[in-house]
Protein backbone atom coordinates (compact mmCIF):
# COMPACT_ATOMS: atom_id res chain seq x y z
CA MET A 1 -12.64 20.73 4.31
CA SER A 2 -10.86 18.39 1.97
CA HIS A 3 -8.81 19.70 -0.92
CA ARG A 4 -11.51 18.61 -3.39
CA GLU A 5 -14.25 20.34 -1.38
CA ILE A 6 -12.21 23.55 -1.40
CA VAL A 7 -11.86 23.33 -5.17
CA VAL A 8 -15.63 22.81 -5.48
CA VAL A 9 -16.31 25.91 -3.33
CA ARG A 10 -13.94 27.98 -5.46
CA LEU A 11 -15.70 26.85 -8.62
CA LEU A 12 -19.04 27.65 -7.01
CA ALA A 13 -17.72 31.14 -6.29
CA GLU A 14 -17.04 31.52 -10.02
CA GLY A 15 -20.75 30.90 -10.58
CA ARG A 16 -20.36 27.49 -12.19
CA SER A 17 -23.22 25.01 -12.27
CA ASN A 18 -22.94 21.49 -10.89
CA ARG A 19 -22.55 20.24 -14.46
CA ALA A 20 -19.74 22.73 -15.20
CA ILE A 21 -17.96 21.79 -11.97
CA ALA A 22 -18.29 18.10 -12.83
CA GLU A 23 -16.83 18.68 -16.28
CA ALA A 24 -13.96 20.80 -14.94
CA LEU A 25 -13.01 18.16 -12.36
CA TYR A 26 -13.80 15.09 -14.50
CA LEU A 27 -16.45 13.92 -12.03
CA SER A 28 -20.08 12.92 -12.29
CA GLU A 29 -22.72 15.44 -11.27
CA ALA A 30 -23.72 13.04 -8.47
CA THR A 31 -20.20 13.23 -7.04
CA VAL A 32 -20.29 17.03 -7.17
CA LYS A 33 -23.61 16.97 -5.32
CA THR A 34 -22.08 14.70 -2.67
CA HIS A 35 -19.20 17.14 -2.21
CA LEU A 36 -21.69 20.00 -1.90
CA VAL A 37 -23.74 18.18 0.73
CA ARG A 38 -20.58 17.65 2.76
CA VAL A 39 -19.49 21.28 2.29
CA TYR A 40 -22.91 22.54 3.39
CA ARG A 41 -22.79 20.33 6.48
CA LYS A 42 -19.26 21.36 7.43
CA LEU A 43 -20.01 25.06 6.93
CA ARG A 44 -23.43 24.78 8.59
CA VAL A 45 -25.27 26.34 5.65
CA ASP A 46 -28.12 25.21 3.45
CA ASN A 47 -27.59 26.89 0.10
CA ARG A 48 -24.97 27.70 -2.53
CA ALA A 49 -24.70 31.42 -1.81
CA ALA A 50 -24.13 30.88 1.92
CA ALA A 51 -21.61 28.14 1.18
CA VAL A 52 -19.64 30.47 -1.07
CA ARG A 53 -19.70 33.33 1.44
CA ARG A 54 -18.72 31.25 4.43
CA GLY A 55 -16.41 28.93 2.51
CA LEU A 56 -14.36 31.75 1.04
CA LEU A 57 -14.13 33.44 4.44
CA GLU A 58 -12.77 30.27 5.99
CA LEU A 59 -10.25 29.84 3.18
CA THR A 60 -8.70 33.28 3.67
């Protein structure tokens, strides 16, 4: 995962919405969604909860 995708996963783990992530990273919501699509694909998951679980496991 890219550095930005890792940051997005960490913010997801905090329970932030796409809008809150976009505001925190000074991005558009569309860009956040693009990052999430790529994260889901790389982690082979299809939802936020699974992405957080698997993403955090891979980061440790």
